Amino acid sequence: MESPERHQPRPGAACAPSQFGRAVRRFNVPNVLTTLRILGIPVFLWLIIAAGGLGDPDLHRGQRWAAFAVFFVLMVTDQLDGFLARRYEVITDFGKLADPVADKALMITALISLNIVGDLWWWVTAVIVVRELGITVWRFVLARGGRVVPASRGGKIKTVLQAFAVGVLLAPLTPWTTWVGYPLMALAVVVTVVTGVQYLVDARKEAP
């Protein structure tokens, strides 16, 4: 027969989640993570430019790996701050504005940095940037008119594909860059364009 003590909560165990939640709210952890992500973007940019391109004989692999690591950490904070904000109801006007700005700034910086070091074609960045900024401005205009356009499943897939493609292109793992990174980026571009068009088509259908 089991002892009743086994079913008793350990001291402090029951209040741990609420204590953590209070700490998240008190220090506004989601906004702190968003701010750190913004501050980390220049560090990431410096690392990859200092490292050089994958075709450069003087490539600094250590700095290139460091750039990859910083990009990975910044992408993780993107997911973490959103989760904490929803889970513990720490949603602020600053977060609503800064979080999407930080997301777009990180991805655009990553693409442009790959252009600068010669590891990505400029037209890829142009297509993605025009789509991202165009849809963002369009959604903002609709929101001011009272229409909110939520992120679609395709839009979320697009974000994941872009992040994976950039991550593979950042890692100094030639020839994996050619075999995996470029096909992934090509798929990301296609999905980016298709989802952008789909947003406009769906909005037109739902227009009063």
C-alpha atoms as a PDB file:
ATOM      1  CA  MET A   1       0.000   0.000   0.000  1.00  0.00           C
ATOM      2  CA  GLU A   2       1.353   3.413  -0.973  1.00  0.00           C
ATOM      3  CA  SER A   3       2.152   5.943   1.670  1.00  0.00           C
ATOM      4  CA  PRO A   4      -0.121   9.045   1.702  1.00  0.00           C
ATOM      5  CA  GLU A   5       2.961  11.223   1.786  1.00  0.00           C
ATOM      6  CA  ARG A   6       3.739  10.313  -1.829  1.00  0.00           C
ATOM      7  CA  HIS A   7       0.650  12.198  -2.972  1.00  0.00           C
ATOM      8  CA  GLN A   8       1.445  15.331  -0.994  1.00  0.00           C
ATOM      9  CA  PRO A   9       3.013  18.205  -2.984  1.00  0.00           C
ATOM     10  CA  ARG A  10       6.576  19.076  -2.142  1.00  0.00           C
ATOM     11  CA  PRO A  11       7.044  22.318  -0.228  1.00  0.00           C
ATOM     12  CA  GLY A  12       6.948  25.213  -2.682  1.00  0.00           C
ATOM     13  CA  ALA A  13       6.040  23.032  -5.676  1.00  0.00           C
ATOM     14  CA  ALA A  14       2.455  24.234  -5.975  1.00  0.00           C
ATOM     15  CA  CYS A  15       3.385  27.914  -5.936  1.00  0.00           C
ATOM     16  CA  ALA A  16       6.373  27.660  -8.296  1.00  0.00           C
ATOM     17  CA  PRO A  17       4.423  28.304 -11.521  1.00  0.00           C
ATOM     18  CA  SER A  18       2.624  31.324 -10.044  1.00  0.00           C
ATOM     19  CA  GLN A  19       5.893  32.700  -8.707  1.00  0.00           C
ATOM     20  CA  PHE A  20       7.449  32.352 -12.132  1.00  0.00           C
ATOM     21  CA  GLY A  21       4.423  34.030 -13.699  1.00  0.00           C
ATOM     22  CA  ARG A  22       4.669  36.937 -11.276  1.00  0.00           C
ATOM     23  CA  ALA A  23       8.355  37.299 -12.114  1.00  0.00           C
ATOM     24  CA  VAL A  24       7.559  37.312 -15.830  1.00  0.00           C
ATOM     25  CA  ARG A  25       4.981  40.057 -15.299  1.00  0.00           C
ATOM     26  CA  ARG A  26       7.096  42.062 -12.866  1.00  0.00           C
ATOM     27  CA  PHE A  27      10.154  42.236 -15.080  1.00  0.00           C
ATOM     28  CA  ASN A  28       8.115  42.118 -18.319  1.00  0.00           C
ATOM     29  CA  VAL A  29      10.328  39.343 -19.666  1.00  0.00           C
ATOM     30  CA  PRO A  30       8.742  39.292 -23.170  1.00  0.00           C
ATOM     31  CA  ASN A  31       9.621  42.955 -23.723  1.00  0.00           C
ATOM     32  CA  VAL A  32      13.118  42.381 -22.343  1.00  0.00           C
ATOM     33  CA  LEU A  33      13.625  39.524 -24.828  1.00  0.00           C
ATOM     34  CA  THR A  34      12.328  41.664 -27.687  1.00  0.00           C
ATOM     35  CA  THR A  35      14.720  44.471 -26.727  1.00  0.00           C
ATOM     36  CA  LEU A  36      17.643  42.047 -26.516  1.00  0.00           C
ATOM     37  CA  ARG A  37      16.736  40.703 -29.958  1.00  0.00           C
ATOM     38  CA  ILE A  38      16.881  44.220 -31.404  1.00  0.00           C
ATOM     39  CA  LEU A  39      20.219  44.910 -29.680  1.00  0.00           C
ATOM     40  CA  GLY A  40      21.601  41.599 -30.933  1.00  0.00           C
ATOM     41  CA  ILE A  41      21.000  42.387 -34.602  1.00  0.00           C
ATOM     42  CA  PRO A  42      24.056  44.699 -35.002  1.00  0.00           C
ATOM     43  CA  VAL A  43      26.205  42.052 -33.280  1.00  0.00           C
ATOM     44  CA  PHE A  44      24.996  39.430 -35.730  1.00  0.00           C
ATOM     45  CA  LEU A  45      25.632  41.756 -38.685  1.00  0.00           C
ATOM     46  CA  TRP A  46      29.183  42.531 -37.545  1.00  0.00           C
ATOM     47  CA  LEU A  47      30.010  38.850 -37.031  1.00  0.00           C
ATOM     48  CA  ILE A  48      28.928  37.678 -40.469  1.00  0.00           C
ATOM     49  CA  ILE A  49      30.531  40.567 -42.350  1.00  0.00           C
ATOM     50  CA  ALA A  50      33.768  40.115 -40.396  1.00  0.00           C
ATOM     51  CA  ALA A  51      33.698  36.381 -41.145  1.00  0.00           C
ATOM     52  CA  GLY A  52      33.347  36.794 -44.921  1.00  0.00           C
ATOM     53  CA  GLY A  53      31.591  34.671 -47.505  1.00  0.00           C
ATOM     54  CA  LEU A  54      31.708  30.914 -47.897  1.00  0.00           C
ATOM     55  CA  GLY A  55      33.627  31.319 -51.152  1.00  0.00           C
ATOM     56  CA  ASP A  56      36.246  33.515 -49.517  1.00  0.00           C
ATOM     57  CA  PRO A  57      39.578  31.683 -49.019  1.00  0.00           C
ATOM     58  CA  ASP A  58      40.129  33.824 -45.913  1.00  0.00           C
ATOM     59  CA  LEU A  59      36.795  32.806 -44.367  1.00  0.00           C
ATOM     60  CA  HIS A  60      36.858  33.045 -40.570  1.00  0.00           C
ATOM     61  CA  ARG A  61      34.901  29.938 -39.655  1.00  0.00           C
ATOM     62  CA  GLY A  62      34.812  30.732 -35.956  1.00  0.00           C
ATOM     63  CA  GLN A  63      33.109  34.065 -36.534  1.00  0.00           C
ATOM     64  CA  ARG A  64      30.793  32.481 -39.091  1.00  0.00           C
ATOM     65  CA  TRP A  65      29.717  29.876 -36.539  1.00  0.00           C
ATOM     66  CA  ALA A  66      29.288  32.675 -34.001  1.00  0.00           C
ATOM     67  CA  ALA A  67      27.000  34.506 -36.440  1.00  0.00           C
ATOM     68  CA  PHE A  68      24.997  31.311 -36.877  1.00  0.00           C
ATOM     69  CA  ALA A  69      24.726  30.892 -33.093  1.00  0.00           C
ATOM     70  CA  VAL A  70      23.587  34.487 -32.569  1.00  0.00           C
ATOM     71  CA  PHE A  71      20.968  34.128 -35.318  1.00  0.00           C
ATOM     72  CA  PHE A  72      19.711  30.900 -33.738  1.00  0.00           C
ATOM     73  CA  VAL A  73      19.450  32.469 -30.273  1.00  0.00           C
ATOM     74  CA  LEU A  74      17.640  35.523 -31.626  1.00  0.00           C
ATOM     75  CA  MET A  75      15.134  33.312 -33.456  1.00  0.00           C
ATOM     76  CA  VAL A  76      14.537  31.324 -30.255  1.00  0.00           C
ATOM     77  CA  THR A  77      13.827  34.531 -28.318  1.00  0.00           C
ATOM     78  CA  ASP A  78      11.290  35.410 -31.014  1.00  0.00           C
ATOM     79  CA  GLN A  79       9.311  32.267 -30.193  1.00  0.00           C
ATOM     80  CA  LEU A  80       9.903  32.519 -26.450  1.00  0.00           C
ATOM     81  CA  ASP A  81       8.762  36.099 -25.944  1.00  0.00           C
ATOM     82  CA  GLY A  82       5.527  35.440 -27.832  1.00  0.00           C
ATOM     83  CA  PHE A  83       4.832  32.315 -25.775  1.00  0.00           C
ATOM     84  CA  LEU A  84       5.494  34.077 -22.459  1.00  0.00           C
ATOM     85  CA  ALA A  85       3.410  37.110 -23.430  1.00  0.00           C
ATOM     86  CA  ARG A  86       0.393  34.916 -24.232  1.00  0.00           C
ATOM     87  CA  ARG A  87       0.888  32.442 -21.393  1.00  0.00           C
ATOM     88  CA  TYR A  88       1.215  35.044 -18.656  1.00  0.00           C
ATOM     89  CA  GLU A  89      -0.845  37.815 -20.294  1.00  0.00           C
ATOM     90  CA  VAL A  90       1.996  40.316 -20.541  1.00  0.00           C
ATOM     91  CA  ILE A  91       0.781  42.001 -23.715  1.00  0.00           C
ATOM     92  CA  THR A  92       1.777  45.657 -24.017  1.00  0.00           C
ATOM     93  CA  ASP A  93       1.627  48.330 -26.703  1.00  0.00           C
ATOM     94  CA  PHE A  94       5.420  48.265 -26.856  1.00  0.00           C
ATOM     95  CA  GLY A  95       5.394  44.523 -27.474  1.00  0.00           C
ATOM     96  CA  LYS A  96       2.738  44.778 -30.172  1.00  0.00           C
ATOM     97  CA  LEU A  97       4.855  47.325 -32.025  1.00  0.00           C
ATOM     98  CA  ALA A  98       8.410  46.194 -31.283  1.00  0.00           C
ATOM     99  CA  ASP A  99       8.024  42.409 -31.694  1.00  0.00           C
ATOM    100  CA  PRO A 100       7.048  42.375 -35.398  1.00  0.00           C
ATOM    101  CA  VAL A 101       9.579  45.141 -36.096  1.00  0.00           C
ATOM    102  CA  ALA A 102      12.319  43.054 -34.464  1.00  0.00           C
ATOM    103  CA  ASP A 103      11.271  39.972 -36.459  1.00  0.00           C
ATOM    104  CA  LYS A 104      11.352  41.778 -39.795  1.00  0.00           C
ATOM    105  CA  ALA A 105      14.587  43.612 -38.923  1.00  0.00           C
ATOM    106  CA  LEU A 106      16.366  40.363 -38.044  1.00  0.00           C
ATOM    107  CA  MET A 107      15.317  38.522 -41.195  1.00  0.00           C
ATOM    108  CA  ILE A 108      16.039  41.462 -43.507  1.00  0.00           C
ATOM    109  CA  THR A 109      19.433  42.014 -41.844  1.00  0.00           C
ATOM    110  CA  ALA A 110      20.278  38.327 -42.262  1.00  0.00           C
ATOM    111  CA  LEU A 111      19.358  38.364 -45.955  1.00  0.00           C
ATOM    112  CA  ILE A 112      21.246  41.585 -46.680  1.00  0.00           C
ATOM    113  CA  SER A 113      24.313  40.351 -44.794  1.00  0.00           C
ATOM    114  CA  LEU A 114      24.335  37.205 -46.933  1.00  0.00           C
ATOM    115  CA  ASN A 115      24.118  39.457 -49.999  1.00  0.00           C
ATOM    116  CA  ILE A 116      27.062  41.543 -48.815  1.00  0.00           C
ATOM    117  CA  VAL A 117      29.349  38.542 -48.324  1.00  0.00           C
ATOM    118  CA  GLY A 118      28.261  37.040 -51.651  1.00  0.00           C
ATOM    119  CA  ASP A 119      26.339  34.012 -50.373  1.00  0.00           C
ATOM    120  CA  LEU A 120      22.901  35.009 -51.660  1.00  0.00           C
ATOM    121  CA  TRP A 121      21.539  36.731 -54.763  1.00  0.00           C
ATOM    122  CA  TRP A 122      20.232  40.262 -54.287  1.00  0.00           C
ATOM    123  CA  TRP A 123      17.013  39.544 -56.173  1.00  0.00           C
ATOM    124  CA  VAL A 124      16.036  36.969 -53.522  1.00  0.00           C
ATOM    125  CA  THR A 125      16.310  39.605 -50.814  1.00  0.00           C
ATOM    126  CA  ALA A 126      14.424  42.130 -52.963  1.00  0.00           C
ATOM    127  CA  VAL A 127      11.482  39.754 -53.496  1.00  0.00           C
ATOM    128  CA  ILE A 128      11.233  38.816 -49.821  1.00  0.00           C
ATOM    129  CA  VAL A 129      11.648  42.373 -48.527  1.00  0.00           C
ATOM    130  CA  VAL A 130       9.067  43.835 -50.914  1.00  0.00           C
ATOM    131  CA  ARG A 131       6.579  41.114 -49.947  1.00  0.00           C
ATOM    132  CA  GLU A 132       7.205  41.407 -46.190  1.00  0.00           C
ATOM    133  CA  LEU A 133       7.102  45.187 -45.993  1.00  0.00           C
ATOM    134  CA  GLY A 134       4.246  45.444 -48.487  1.00  0.00           C
ATOM    135  CA  ILE A 135       1.992  43.021 -46.616  1.00  0.00           C
ATOM    136  CA  THR A 136       2.945  44.585 -43.264  1.00  0.00           C
ATOM    137  CA  VAL A 137       1.966  48.076 -44.445  1.00  0.00           C
ATOM    138  CA  TRP A 138      -1.209  46.721 -46.057  1.00  0.00           C
ATOM    139  CA  ARG A 139      -2.250  44.947 -42.838  1.00  0.00           C
ATOM    140  CA  PHE A 140      -1.510  48.098 -40.842  1.00  0.00           C
ATOM    141  CA  VAL A 141      -3.737  50.172 -43.131  1.00  0.00           C
ATOM    142  CA  LEU A 142      -6.572  47.641 -42.825  1.00  0.00           C
ATOM    143  CA  ALA A 143      -6.142  47.536 -39.036  1.00  0.00           C
ATOM    144  CA  ARG A 144      -6.551  51.300 -38.864  1.00  0.00           C
ATOM    145  CA  GLY A 145      -9.821  50.845 -40.705  1.00  0.00           C
ATOM    146  CA  GLY A 146     -10.990  48.235 -38.212  1.00  0.00           C
ATOM    147  CA  ARG A 147     -10.075  45.075 -40.153  1.00  0.00           C
ATOM    148  CA  VAL A 148      -7.567  42.740 -38.573  1.00  0.00           C
ATOM    149  CA  VAL A 149      -5.805  40.254 -40.845  1.00  0.00           C
ATOM    150  CA  PRO A 150      -4.386  37.410 -38.707  1.00  0.00           C
ATOM    151  CA  ALA A 151      -1.299  35.457 -39.689  1.00  0.00           C
ATOM    152  CA  SER A 152      -2.238  32.502 -41.876  1.00  0.00           C
ATOM    153  CA  ARG A 153      -0.867  28.971 -41.619  1.00  0.00           C
ATOM    154  CA  GLY A 154       0.978  29.567 -44.888  1.00  0.00           C
ATOM    155  CA  GLY A 155       2.500  32.713 -43.425  1.00  0.00           C
ATOM    156  CA  LYS A 156       3.823  30.760 -40.457  1.00  0.00           C
ATOM    157  CA  ILE A 157       5.267  28.096 -42.760  1.00  0.00           C
ATOM    158  CA  LYS A 158       6.909  30.860 -44.758  1.00  0.00           C
ATOM    159  CA  THR A 159       8.589  32.224 -41.635  1.00  0.00           C
ATOM    160  CA  VAL A 160       9.901  28.785 -40.664  1.00  0.00           C
ATOM    161  CA  LEU A 161      11.254  28.142 -44.177  1.00  0.00           C
ATOM    162  CA  GLN A 162      13.001  31.501 -44.276  1.00  0.00           C
ATOM    163  CA  ALA A 163      14.603  30.904 -40.876  1.00  0.00           C
ATOM    164  CA  PHE A 164      15.808  27.405 -41.786  1.00  0.00           C
ATOM    165  CA  ALA A 165      17.141  28.555 -45.167  1.00  0.00           C
ATOM    166  CA  VAL A 166      19.053  31.467 -43.641  1.00  0.00           C
ATOM    167  CA  GLY A 167      20.395  29.199 -40.887  1.00  0.00           C
ATOM    168  CA  VAL A 168      21.765  26.674 -43.392  1.00  0.00           C
ATOM    169  CA  LEU A 169      23.310  29.447 -45.503  1.00  0.00           C
ATOM    170  CA  LEU A 170      24.978  30.919 -42.418  1.00  0.00           C
ATOM    171  CA  ALA A 171      26.602  27.678 -41.294  1.00  0.00           C
ATOM    172  CA  PRO A 172      30.029  27.131 -42.938  1.00  0.00           C
ATOM    173  CA  LEU A 173      29.178  23.621 -44.092  1.00  0.00           C
ATOM    174  CA  THR A 174      29.996  23.686 -47.798  1.00  0.00           C
ATOM    175  CA  PRO A 175      28.758  21.854 -49.883  1.00  0.00           C
ATOM    176  CA  TRP A 176      25.657  21.572 -47.675  1.00  0.00           C
ATOM    177  CA  THR A 177      24.960  25.206 -48.482  1.00  0.00           C
ATOM    178  CA  THR A 178      24.476  24.345 -52.132  1.00  0.00           C
ATOM    179  CA  TRP A 179      22.658  21.060 -51.642  1.00  0.00           C
ATOM    180  CA  VAL A 180      20.311  22.131 -48.856  1.00  0.00           C
ATOM    181  CA  GLY A 181      20.446  25.885 -48.302  1.00  0.00           C
ATOM    182  CA  TYR A 182      19.711  27.092 -51.815  1.00  0.00           C
ATOM    183  CA  PRO A 183      16.811  24.682 -52.482  1.00  0.00           C
ATOM    184  CA  LEU A 184      15.335  25.665 -49.100  1.00  0.00           C
ATOM    185  CA  MET A 185      15.694  29.350 -49.944  1.00  0.00           C
ATOM    186  CA  ALA A 186      14.081  28.790 -53.342  1.00  0.00           C
ATOM    187  CA  LEU A 187      11.131  27.087 -51.639  1.00  0.00           C
ATOM    188  CA  ALA A 188      10.957  29.923 -49.098  1.00  0.00           C
ATOM    189  CA  VAL A 189      10.788  32.500 -51.899  1.00  0.00           C
ATOM    190  CA  VAL A 190       7.975  30.612 -53.639  1.00  0.00           C
ATOM    191  CA  VAL A 191       5.967  30.254 -50.420  1.00  0.00           C
ATOM    192  CA  THR A 192       6.655  33.903 -49.552  1.00  0.00           C
ATOM    193  CA  VAL A 193       5.201  35.103 -52.846  1.00  0.00           C
ATOM    194  CA  VAL A 194       2.259  32.673 -52.858  1.00  0.00           C
ATOM    195  CA  THR A 195       1.196  33.515 -49.310  1.00  0.00           C
ATOM    196  CA  GLY A 196       1.481  37.217 -50.050  1.00  0.00           C
ATOM    197  CA  VAL A 197      -0.845  36.880 -53.027  1.00  0.00           C
ATOM    198  CA  GLN A 198      -3.170  34.658 -50.980  1.00  0.00           C
ATOM    199  CA  TYR A 199      -3.512  37.338 -48.312  1.00  0.00           C
ATOM    200  CA  LEU A 200      -4.696  39.816 -50.946  1.00  0.00           C
ATOM    201  CA  VAL A 201      -7.065  37.346 -52.625  1.00  0.00           C
ATOM    202  CA  ASP A 202      -8.658  36.293 -49.333  1.00  0.00           C
ATOM    203  CA  ALA A 203      -9.034  39.915 -48.188  1.00  0.00           C
ATOM    204  CA  ARG A 204     -10.762  40.822 -51.442  1.00  0.00           C
ATOM    205  CA  LYS A 205     -13.206  37.934 -51.044  1.00  0.00           C
ATOM    206  CA  GLU A 206     -14.018  38.974 -47.490  1.00  0.00           C
ATOM    207  CA  ALA A 207     -14.336  42.669 -48.313  1.00  0.00           C
ATOM    208  CA  PRO A 208     -17.843  44.049 -47.671  1.00  0.00           C
END
